[in-house]
Amino acid sequence: MRRLISLALAFLALASPAFAETWTPIAPSTAPSNAQVAGCIYRTAPVAPTNGQSMGTSCPLTDVGVAPIASSAAESCHVLKGSAGNLYSVSGYVGAAAWLMVFNATAAPSNGAVTPVAWAYASAAGSWSINYGAIPLSLSTGITVCASSTGPLTLTLYSTNTVFSGRVQ
């Protein structure tokens, strides 16, 4: 029995490189259009492989290249980004109950029927937030947020009772 265990251990020691996990990372800019991010482990420094595995490209830190944006005065809408980008979070303060709407646009839409990409309802004056964490909402045109007295599919802009802040890339 002892000899059988020794043989099994010797086989596993020789065969273990064949069972080692290897992977080839795909840079985000070269990923196929149907690829989806399942998640990342964020690190401050890469880890050196110890068993012949390929470590590939590490994930970026969550705050690298993410810009904080904020209103300088009370307003009804704020363009967080005037071109395509990623929305990590948007928050603010409203002076009364409001629908907060995020648009894939470089300017505020006109009052009336709208199709926001995201919305939240603040039932009274106070703070509100929409947070996407480490996997942002990607928008192809721009990132604009507005406060409306109606919603979520009808926009009636408040005059200037809201301040906004956000994190975009």
Protein backbone atom coordinates (compact mmCIF):
# COMPACT_ATOMS: atom_id res chain seq x y z
CA MET A 1 0.00 0.00 0.00
CA ARG A 2 2.82 2.37 0.89
CA ARG A 3 4.42 1.72 -2.50
CA LEU A 4 1.10 2.43 -4.28
CA ILE A 5 0.74 5.77 -2.50
CA SER A 6 4.35 6.67 -3.35
CA LEU A 7 3.72 5.86 -7.03
CA ALA A 8 0.52 7.92 -7.05
CA LEU A 9 2.28 10.90 -5.49
CA ALA A 10 5.16 10.62 -7.96
CA PHE A 11 2.68 10.53 -10.87
CA LEU A 12 0.85 13.61 -9.59
CA ALA A 13 4.12 15.49 -9.12
CA LEU A 14 5.11 14.77 -12.72
CA ALA A 15 1.64 15.41 -14.16
CA SER A 16 0.82 18.57 -12.19
CA PRO A 17 2.18 20.97 -14.86
CA ALA A 18 -0.28 19.42 -17.31
CA PHE A 19 -3.14 20.22 -14.95
CA ALA A 20 -1.99 23.77 -14.17
CA GLU A 21 -4.49 26.40 -15.21
CA THR A 22 -3.31 28.78 -17.91
CA TRP A 23 -5.21 31.60 -19.55
CA THR A 24 -4.65 34.19 -22.18
CA PRO A 25 -6.13 37.56 -21.34
CA ILE A 26 -7.83 39.71 -23.94
CA ALA A 27 -7.19 43.43 -23.73
CA PRO A 28 -10.50 45.34 -23.41
CA SER A 29 -9.90 47.15 -26.70
CA THR A 30 -9.52 43.85 -28.58
CA ALA A 31 -12.30 41.88 -26.92
CA PRO A 32 -14.94 40.48 -29.28
CA SER A 33 -18.21 42.41 -29.40
CA ASN A 34 -20.09 39.61 -27.64
CA ALA A 35 -17.60 39.47 -24.72
CA GLN A 36 -18.91 40.30 -21.27
CA VAL A 37 -16.95 41.22 -18.17
CA ALA A 38 -17.56 38.73 -15.40
CA GLY A 39 -15.53 40.65 -12.85
CA CYS A 40 -12.02 41.62 -11.86
CA ILE A 41 -9.87 41.33 -8.80
CA TYR A 42 -8.36 44.75 -8.30
CA ARG A 43 -4.78 44.81 -7.13
CA THR A 44 -2.26 47.54 -6.46
CA ALA A 45 0.62 45.47 -7.89
CA PRO A 46 0.81 42.40 -10.11
CA VAL A 47 1.57 39.05 -8.53
CA ALA A 48 4.47 37.07 -10.01
CA PRO A 49 3.47 33.56 -11.14
CA THR A 50 5.03 30.75 -9.10
CA ASN A 51 3.93 27.63 -10.95
CA GLY A 52 4.40 28.44 -14.63
CA GLN A 53 0.98 30.03 -15.03
CA SER A 54 0.48 33.00 -17.28
CA MET A 55 -0.62 36.02 -15.26
CA GLY A 56 -1.57 38.15 -18.28
CA THR A 57 -2.65 41.75 -17.93
CA SER A 58 -3.92 42.80 -14.52
CA CYS A 59 -7.18 44.65 -14.09
CA PRO A 60 -7.00 48.41 -13.68
CA LEU A 61 -7.58 50.03 -10.34
CA THR A 62 -11.15 51.27 -10.01
CA ASP A 63 -10.14 54.93 -9.67
CA VAL A 64 -7.58 55.09 -12.48
CA GLY A 65 -8.87 57.57 -15.05
CA VAL A 66 -12.19 58.09 -13.25
CA ALA A 67 -12.99 61.79 -13.01
CA PRO A 68 -15.13 63.31 -10.24
CA ILE A 69 -17.60 65.89 -11.59
CA ALA A 70 -19.79 68.29 -9.57
CA SER A 71 -22.23 71.13 -10.03
CA SER A 72 -20.95 74.58 -9.19
CA ALA A 73 -24.50 75.86 -8.55
CA ALA A 74 -28.06 74.54 -8.31
CA GLU A 75 -29.34 73.47 -11.74
CA SER A 76 -31.92 71.25 -13.44
CA CYS A 77 -29.47 69.14 -15.51
CA HIS A 78 -25.76 68.53 -15.67
CA VAL A 79 -23.61 67.11 -18.48
CA LEU A 80 -21.24 64.75 -16.69
CA LYS A 81 -19.41 63.85 -19.90
CA GLY A 82 -19.76 65.44 -23.35
CA SER A 83 -18.69 62.29 -25.22
CA ALA A 84 -19.02 58.51 -24.96
CA GLY A 85 -17.96 57.16 -21.60
CA ASN A 86 -18.63 55.15 -18.47
CA LEU A 87 -20.81 56.21 -15.55
CA TYR A 88 -19.64 54.81 -12.21
CA SER A 89 -21.96 56.84 -9.99
CA VAL A 90 -24.10 59.94 -9.86
CA SER A 91 -25.56 61.55 -6.77
CA GLY A 92 -26.86 64.83 -5.53
CA TYR A 93 -29.33 66.79 -3.48
CA VAL A 94 -32.86 67.82 -4.54
CA GLY A 95 -34.96 70.56 -3.00
CA ALA A 96 -38.23 68.62 -3.45
CA ALA A 97 -39.42 65.17 -4.56
CA ALA A 98 -37.97 64.44 -7.99
CA TRP A 99 -37.28 61.87 -10.68
CA LEU A 100 -33.55 61.74 -11.40
CA MET A 101 -32.86 60.60 -14.96
CA VAL A 102 -29.64 59.62 -16.74
CA PHE A 103 -29.51 60.15 -20.52
CA ASN A 104 -27.17 58.89 -23.24
CA ALA A 105 -26.80 62.45 -24.52
CA THR A 106 -24.43 65.43 -24.62
CA ALA A 107 -27.16 67.93 -23.67
CA ALA A 108 -30.38 67.97 -21.70
CA PRO A 109 -33.40 66.74 -23.64
CA SER A 110 -36.50 68.92 -24.02
CA ASN A 111 -39.48 68.54 -21.72
CA GLY A 112 -41.87 65.80 -22.80
CA ALA A 113 -41.58 62.09 -23.55
CA VAL A 114 -38.05 60.77 -22.95
CA THR A 115 -36.19 57.47 -22.76
CA PRO A 116 -33.64 57.65 -19.94
CA VAL A 117 -31.10 54.85 -19.59
CA ALA A 118 -31.49 54.90 -15.80
CA TRP A 119 -33.62 56.70 -13.25
CA ALA A 120 -34.26 56.95 -9.52
CA TYR A 121 -37.01 58.59 -7.48
CA ALA A 122 -36.34 60.84 -4.49
CA SER A 123 -39.61 61.02 -2.56
CA ALA A 124 -38.71 64.21 -0.68
CA ALA A 125 -36.03 66.86 -0.45
CA GLY A 126 -32.70 65.28 0.32
CA SER A 127 -29.80 63.25 -0.99
CA TRP A 128 -30.01 60.53 -3.64
CA SER A 129 -27.55 58.33 -5.55
CA ILE A 130 -27.21 55.81 -8.37
CA ASN A 131 -24.06 53.68 -8.08
CA TYR A 132 -22.75 51.10 -10.55
CA GLY A 133 -19.71 50.05 -8.52
CA ALA A 134 -16.70 48.62 -10.38
CA ILE A 135 -18.62 47.71 -13.56
CA PRO A 136 -19.96 51.02 -14.93
CA LEU A 137 -22.87 51.85 -17.20
CA SER A 138 -21.34 52.43 -20.66
CA LEU A 139 -22.92 55.16 -22.76
CA SER A 140 -22.14 55.67 -26.45
CA THR A 141 -22.93 59.39 -26.88
CA GLY A 142 -22.52 61.28 -23.60
CA ILE A 143 -23.66 61.30 -19.97
CA THR A 144 -26.28 63.81 -18.86
CA VAL A 145 -28.37 63.74 -15.68
CA CYS A 146 -31.58 65.73 -15.04
CA ALA A 147 -34.09 66.30 -12.24
CA SER A 148 -37.77 66.20 -13.22
CA SER A 149 -41.04 66.73 -11.38
CA THR A 150 -42.56 63.97 -13.55
CA GLY A 151 -41.20 60.65 -14.68
CA PRO A 152 -39.79 58.21 -15.31
CA LEU A 153 -40.67 58.50 -19.03
CA THR A 154 -41.83 62.13 -19.04
CA LEU A 155 -39.42 64.98 -18.40
CA THR A 156 -40.56 68.21 -16.74
CA LEU A 157 -37.36 69.94 -15.73
CA TYR A 158 -37.11 71.62 -12.36
CA SER A 159 -35.87 75.15 -12.65
CA THR A 160 -32.77 75.02 -10.44
CA ASN A 161 -33.31 73.03 -7.27
CA THR A 162 -30.71 70.27 -7.68
CA VAL A 163 -26.96 69.87 -7.37
CA PHE A 164 -25.23 66.90 -8.98
CA SER A 165 -21.98 65.02 -8.56
CA GLY A 166 -20.71 62.00 -10.39
CA ARG A 167 -17.80 59.76 -11.30
CA VAL A 168 -17.21 59.18 -15.01
CA GLN A 169 -14.52 57.90 -17.33
